[in-house]
Amino acid sequence: MSPVREYYNPLISKLLREHDCLPHDKIDERKSFQRRIIFLMNTIKLEEYESSFT
């Protein structure tokens, strides 16, 4: 596993757990968690992509 994944995976897992604990009627809060998770996943992809050129 890449170092960037090792760093961000625990954060993503924590956000996923919090998201899953929210009731389904809390749509705005759930979407907020989803946006943060997607942002972190994109950050991982970008870091790995950039490091592939070095």
N, C-alpha and C. Protein backbone atom coordinates (compact mmCIF):
# COMPACT_ATOMS: atom_id res chain seq x y z
N MET A 1 0.84 -1.16 0.00
CA MET A 1 0.00 0.00 0.00
C MET A 1 0.90 1.24 0.00
N SER A 2 0.48 2.24 -0.75
CA SER A 2 1.28 3.46 -0.84
C SER A 2 1.21 4.24 0.48
N PRO A 3 2.22 5.04 0.74
CA PRO A 3 2.22 5.83 1.98
C PRO A 3 1.02 6.76 2.10
N VAL A 4 0.60 7.32 0.98
CA VAL A 4 -0.54 8.23 1.03
C VAL A 4 -1.83 7.46 1.39
N ARG A 5 -1.95 6.25 0.91
CA ARG A 5 -3.11 5.44 1.28
C ARG A 5 -3.07 5.04 2.75
N GLU A 6 -1.89 4.72 3.22
CA GLU A 6 -1.75 4.37 4.63
C GLU A 6 -2.14 5.54 5.53
N TYR A 7 -1.88 6.74 5.05
CA TYR A 7 -2.22 7.92 5.83
C TYR A 7 -3.73 8.21 5.80
N TYR A 8 -4.33 8.17 4.60
CA TYR A 8 -5.73 8.59 4.45
C TYR A 8 -6.76 7.49 4.70
N ASN A 9 -6.41 6.24 4.55
CA ASN A 9 -7.39 5.17 4.74
C ASN A 9 -8.04 5.16 6.12
N PRO A 10 -7.30 5.36 7.20
CA PRO A 10 -7.97 5.42 8.51
C PRO A 10 -8.97 6.57 8.61
N LEU A 11 -8.64 7.70 7.98
CA LEU A 11 -9.56 8.83 8.00
C LEU A 11 -10.83 8.52 7.21
N ILE A 12 -10.66 7.90 6.06
CA ILE A 12 -11.81 7.53 5.24
C ILE A 12 -12.66 6.50 5.97
N SER A 13 -12.03 5.54 6.59
CA SER A 13 -12.78 4.52 7.34
C SER A 13 -13.59 5.14 8.48
N LYS A 14 -12.99 6.10 9.17
CA LYS A 14 -13.68 6.78 10.26
C LYS A 14 -14.90 7.54 9.73
N LEU A 15 -14.72 8.24 8.61
CA LEU A 15 -15.84 8.98 8.02
C LEU A 15 -16.94 8.03 7.56
N LEU A 16 -16.56 6.91 6.99
CA LEU A 16 -17.56 5.93 6.55
C LEU A 16 -18.37 5.39 7.73
N ARG A 17 -17.71 5.11 8.83
CA ARG A 17 -18.42 4.63 10.02
C ARG A 17 -19.40 5.68 10.54
N GLU A 18 -18.93 6.93 10.58
CA GLU A 18 -19.82 8.01 11.04
C GLU A 18 -21.01 8.18 10.09
N HIS A 19 -20.73 8.10 8.81
CA HIS A 19 -21.80 8.20 7.81
C HIS A 19 -22.83 7.10 7.99
N ASP A 20 -22.36 5.90 8.22
CA ASP A 20 -23.25 4.76 8.37
C ASP A 20 -24.09 4.83 9.64
N CYS A 21 -23.63 5.56 10.63
CA CYS A 21 -24.38 5.69 11.88
C CYS A 21 -25.50 6.73 11.80
N LEU A 22 -25.43 7.58 10.79
CA LEU A 22 -26.46 8.61 10.66
C LEU A 22 -27.77 8.01 10.16
N PRO A 23 -28.89 8.51 10.65
CA PRO A 23 -30.17 8.05 10.12
C PRO A 23 -30.33 8.50 8.66
N HIS A 24 -31.12 7.77 7.92
CA HIS A 24 -31.28 8.05 6.49
C HIS A 24 -31.99 9.36 6.22
N ASP A 25 -32.70 9.87 7.18
CA ASP A 25 -33.40 11.14 6.95
C ASP A 25 -32.49 12.36 7.13
N LYS A 26 -31.28 12.17 7.57
CA LYS A 26 -30.30 13.26 7.71
C LYS A 26 -29.53 13.40 6.40
N ILE A 27 -30.22 13.78 5.37
CA ILE A 27 -29.67 13.79 4.01
C ILE A 27 -28.50 14.76 3.88
N ASP A 28 -28.66 15.97 4.37
CA ASP A 28 -27.58 16.96 4.23
C ASP A 28 -26.30 16.52 4.94
N GLU A 29 -26.44 15.97 6.13
CA GLU A 29 -25.26 15.51 6.86
C GLU A 29 -24.61 14.33 6.16
N ARG A 30 -25.42 13.43 5.64
CA ARG A 30 -24.88 12.28 4.92
C ARG A 30 -24.14 12.72 3.66
N LYS A 31 -24.70 13.69 2.96
CA LYS A 31 -24.04 14.20 1.75
C LYS A 31 -22.73 14.88 2.09
N SER A 32 -22.69 15.56 3.22
CA SER A 32 -21.46 16.19 3.65
C SER A 32 -20.36 15.15 3.88
N PHE A 33 -20.70 14.06 4.54
CA PHE A 33 -19.73 12.98 4.74
C PHE A 33 -19.28 12.40 3.40
N GLN A 34 -20.23 12.21 2.51
CA GLN A 34 -19.90 11.65 1.20
C GLN A 34 -18.94 12.55 0.44
N ARG A 35 -19.15 13.87 0.50
CA ARG A 35 -18.26 14.80 -0.19
C ARG A 35 -16.85 14.74 0.40
N ARG A 36 -16.74 14.66 1.71
CA ARG A 36 -15.42 14.58 2.34
C ARG A 36 -14.72 13.28 1.97
N ILE A 37 -15.46 12.20 1.94
CA ILE A 37 -14.87 10.90 1.57
C ILE A 37 -14.37 10.94 0.12
N ILE A 38 -15.19 11.46 -0.77
CA ILE A 38 -14.80 11.54 -2.18
C ILE A 38 -13.59 12.45 -2.35
N PHE A 39 -13.56 13.56 -1.61
CA PHE A 39 -12.41 14.46 -1.67
C PHE A 39 -11.13 13.73 -1.26
N LEU A 40 -11.18 12.99 -0.17
CA LEU A 40 -9.99 12.26 0.29
C LEU A 40 -9.58 11.18 -0.71
N MET A 41 -10.55 10.51 -1.30
CA MET A 41 -10.23 9.48 -2.29
C MET A 41 -9.58 10.10 -3.52
N ASN A 42 -10.07 11.25 -3.93
CA ASN A 42 -9.46 11.95 -5.06
C ASN A 42 -8.06 12.45 -4.71
N THR A 43 -7.87 12.86 -3.49
CA THR A 43 -6.55 13.29 -3.04
C THR A 43 -5.55 12.14 -3.14
N ILE A 44 -5.98 10.97 -2.73
CA ILE A 44 -5.12 9.78 -2.84
C ILE A 44 -4.75 9.52 -4.29
N LYS A 45 -5.75 9.52 -5.15
CA LYS A 45 -5.49 9.25 -6.57
C LYS A 45 -4.54 10.27 -7.17
N LEU A 46 -4.73 11.56 -6.83
CA LEU A 46 -3.86 12.60 -7.36
C LEU A 46 -2.43 12.42 -6.86
N GLU A 47 -2.26 12.17 -5.57
CA GLU A 47 -0.92 11.97 -5.01
C GLU A 47 -0.22 10.78 -5.65
N GLU A 48 -0.94 9.70 -5.83
CA GLU A 48 -0.34 8.51 -6.46
C GLU A 48 0.00 8.78 -7.92
N TYR A 49 -0.85 9.51 -8.59
CA TYR A 49 -0.60 9.85 -9.99
C TYR A 49 0.64 10.73 -10.10
N GLU A 50 0.72 11.75 -9.25
CA GLU A 50 1.89 12.63 -9.27
C GLU A 50 3.17 11.88 -8.93
N SER A 51 3.11 11.00 -7.98
CA SER A 51 4.32 10.27 -7.59
C SER A 51 4.75 9.25 -8.64
N SER A 52 3.86 8.87 -9.52
CA SER A 52 4.24 7.94 -10.58
C SER A 52 5.19 8.58 -11.60
N PHE A 53 5.25 9.90 -11.62
CA PHE A 53 6.13 10.60 -12.55
C PHE A 53 7.47 10.95 -11.96
N THR A 54 7.65 10.67 -10.69
CA THR A 54 8.93 11.03 -10.06
C THR A 54 9.84 9.82 -9.95
